[in-house]
């Protein structure tokens, strides 16, 4: 049997990805977006949604199985961008996939002339805050009681290019 090699690829989210994305979303977030909301998001054409896919390939380069390891949704409005969702399958965390998704978005939006990127994150989500700070985001405010189930403040973070 040929050795398996994994290839990581970030590509635009498609309607075919929505069931897997929504299932991962429900596992990770208490305020999960539904399949319907993801469909509407993609159909609107106003959002930048990407998936990180890991594809196994044999030594001859033939694709084998693909696994959706994470996803990202953001939006660009004029010269400002917002991060709405970034998630990595809990079984695949610690491999740098969240970093890859965030970097991909930041590089693409900076190339379009975006000067500011904003996001909200649960105040207690230390790993996510660490990821954002590592990428140049800084706290600019707090939204008290922004998240429900459980109730928690949101830290507002901003990155300027």
Protein backbone atom coordinates (compact mmCIF):
# COMPACT_ATOMS: atom_id res chain seq x y z
CA UNK A 1 0.00 0.00 0.00
CA UNK A 2 1.30 3.47 -0.92
CA UNK A 3 2.14 5.95 1.81
CA UNK A 4 -0.54 8.55 2.52
CA UNK A 5 0.29 12.25 2.45
CA UNK A 6 -2.08 14.94 3.71
CA UNK A 7 -2.65 18.16 1.82
CA UNK A 8 -4.31 21.15 3.45
CA UNK A 9 -6.38 23.42 1.26
CA UNK A 10 -8.50 26.47 2.02
CA UNK A 11 -11.29 26.90 -0.49
CA UNK A 12 -14.61 28.73 -0.77
CA UNK A 13 -17.46 27.13 1.18
CA UNK A 14 -20.12 25.59 -1.05
CA UNK A 15 -23.69 24.50 -0.44
CA UNK A 16 -22.37 20.91 -0.28
CA UNK A 17 -20.32 21.86 2.81
CA UNK A 18 -23.20 23.31 4.82
CA UNK A 19 -24.38 20.14 6.56
CA UNK A 20 -20.84 19.40 7.82
CA UNK A 21 -20.21 23.03 8.78
CA UNK A 22 -23.52 23.28 10.67
CA UNK A 23 -22.81 19.99 12.50
CA UNK A 24 -19.37 21.24 13.56
CA UNK A 25 -20.91 24.60 14.50
CA UNK A 26 -23.47 22.90 16.76
CA UNK A 27 -20.71 20.93 18.46
CA UNK A 28 -18.57 24.02 19.13
CA UNK A 29 -20.86 27.00 19.69
CA UNK A 30 -23.76 27.41 22.11
CA UNK A 31 -25.13 30.09 19.76
CA UNK A 32 -24.70 27.94 16.65
CA UNK A 33 -25.71 29.15 13.21
CA UNK A 34 -28.22 26.81 11.56
CA UNK A 35 -27.96 25.16 8.15
CA UNK A 36 -30.61 27.62 6.99
CA UNK A 37 -28.57 30.60 8.14
CA UNK A 38 -25.45 29.25 6.39
CA UNK A 39 -27.46 28.72 3.18
CA UNK A 40 -28.79 32.28 3.35
CA UNK A 41 -25.28 33.58 4.08
CA UNK A 42 -23.83 31.88 1.00
CA UNK A 43 -26.78 32.78 -1.21
CA UNK A 44 -26.50 36.47 -0.29
CA UNK A 45 -23.06 36.72 -1.88
CA UNK A 46 -22.09 39.31 0.76
CA UNK A 47 -19.95 37.05 2.93
CA UNK A 48 -16.54 35.47 2.63
CA UNK A 49 -16.92 31.87 3.81
CA UNK A 50 -14.07 29.39 3.46
CA UNK A 51 -13.43 25.82 4.55
CA UNK A 52 -10.16 24.17 5.46
CA UNK A 53 -10.06 20.73 3.91
CA UNK A 54 -7.49 18.03 4.51
CA UNK A 55 -7.19 15.60 1.62
CA UNK A 56 -5.20 12.40 1.82
CA UNK A 57 -3.23 11.51 -1.29
CA UNK A 58 -1.28 8.41 -2.11
CA UNK A 59 2.31 8.50 -3.39
CA UNK A 60 1.01 8.72 -6.98
CA UNK A 61 -0.91 11.89 -6.11
CA UNK A 62 -4.34 10.29 -6.30
CA UNK A 63 -6.80 11.91 -3.90
CA UNK A 64 -8.24 9.63 -1.27
CA UNK A 65 -10.48 10.84 1.55
CA UNK A 66 -11.20 14.49 2.39
CA UNK A 67 -11.99 15.83 5.83
CA UNK A 68 -13.41 19.23 6.69
CA UNK A 69 -11.16 20.42 9.52
CA UNK A 70 -12.47 23.95 9.98
CA UNK A 71 -14.21 26.94 8.48
CA UNK A 72 -14.33 30.70 8.43
CA UNK A 73 -17.00 33.32 7.70
CA UNK A 74 -16.34 37.02 7.48
CA UNK A 75 -17.57 40.06 5.65
CA UNK A 76 -16.06 43.09 3.95
CA UNK A 77 -17.91 46.41 3.96
CA UNK A 78 -16.00 49.13 2.11
CA UNK A 79 -12.58 49.39 3.83
CA UNK A 80 -13.59 47.44 6.95
CA UNK A 81 -13.84 43.69 7.51
CA UNK A 82 -15.54 41.65 10.22
CA UNK A 83 -14.77 38.15 11.43
CA UNK A 84 -18.08 36.41 12.12
CA UNK A 85 -17.09 32.75 12.57
CA UNK A 86 -13.87 30.80 12.79
CA UNK A 87 -13.85 27.22 14.00
CA UNK A 88 -11.70 24.11 13.94
CA UNK A 89 -12.93 20.59 14.62
CA UNK A 90 -12.10 19.94 18.32
CA UNK A 91 -10.28 16.72 17.36
CA UNK A 92 -7.96 18.71 15.06
CA UNK A 93 -7.08 21.67 17.25
CA UNK A 94 -3.46 22.48 17.96
CA UNK A 95 -2.36 21.91 14.35
CA UNK A 96 -2.40 25.56 13.31
CA UNK A 97 -5.60 25.32 11.25
CA UNK A 98 -7.26 28.29 12.97
CA UNK A 99 -4.13 30.34 12.26
CA UNK A 100 -4.25 29.28 8.59
CA UNK A 101 -7.90 30.28 8.23
CA UNK A 102 -7.38 33.66 9.90
CA UNK A 103 -4.17 34.42 7.96
CA UNK A 104 -5.88 33.52 4.69
CA UNK A 105 -8.70 35.98 5.36
CA UNK A 106 -6.39 38.74 6.57
CA UNK A 107 -4.14 38.47 3.51
CA UNK A 108 -7.06 38.46 1.10
CA UNK A 109 -8.87 41.43 2.66
CA UNK A 110 -5.72 43.50 3.03
CA UNK A 111 -5.11 43.04 -0.70
CA UNK A 112 -8.54 44.56 -1.40
CA UNK A 113 -7.80 47.76 0.54
CA UNK A 114 -9.34 46.88 3.89
CA UNK A 115 -7.70 48.95 6.64
CA UNK A 116 -9.54 47.67 9.75
CA UNK A 117 -10.75 44.23 10.85
CA UNK A 118 -13.16 43.87 13.78
CA UNK A 119 -14.56 40.95 15.75
CA UNK A 120 -16.31 39.98 18.96
CA UNK A 121 -15.12 37.06 21.04
CA UNK A 122 -16.34 35.58 24.31
CA UNK A 123 -14.36 37.21 27.11
CA UNK A 124 -13.56 33.74 28.51
CA UNK A 125 -12.39 32.22 25.23
CA UNK A 126 -8.69 32.43 26.07
CA UNK A 127 -7.42 30.30 23.12
CA UNK A 128 -9.31 32.42 20.57
CA UNK A 129 -8.19 35.68 22.17
CA UNK A 130 -4.60 34.40 22.06
CA UNK A 131 -4.95 33.59 18.35
CA UNK A 132 -6.30 37.04 17.59
CA UNK A 133 -3.70 38.89 19.66
CA UNK A 134 -0.93 36.86 18.00
CA UNK A 135 -2.25 38.21 14.70
CA UNK A 136 -2.21 41.85 15.74
CA UNK A 137 -5.70 42.31 17.17
CA UNK A 138 -6.09 44.51 20.25
CA UNK A 139 -9.01 45.08 22.59
CA UNK A 140 -11.02 48.24 21.94
CA UNK A 141 -14.08 47.62 24.09
CA UNK A 142 -16.52 45.26 25.77
CA UNK A 143 -20.16 44.42 25.00
CA UNK A 144 -21.68 43.53 28.38
CA UNK A 145 -23.88 40.42 28.35
CA UNK A 146 -23.51 40.07 24.55
CA UNK A 147 -23.49 36.27 24.54
CA UNK A 148 -26.26 34.10 25.94
CA UNK A 149 -26.26 30.44 27.00
CA UNK A 150 -24.13 31.03 29.03
CA UNK A 151 -24.37 34.77 29.47
CA UNK A 152 -20.97 36.35 28.93
CA UNK A 153 -19.39 39.60 27.85
CA UNK A 154 -17.85 39.98 24.41
CA UNK A 155 -14.45 41.53 23.94
CA UNK A 156 -14.33 43.72 20.84
CA UNK A 157 -11.01 43.34 19.07
CA UNK A 158 -9.60 45.34 16.19
CA UNK A 159 -6.67 45.01 13.82
CA UNK A 160 -5.45 47.89 11.70
CA UNK A 161 -3.28 47.35 8.63
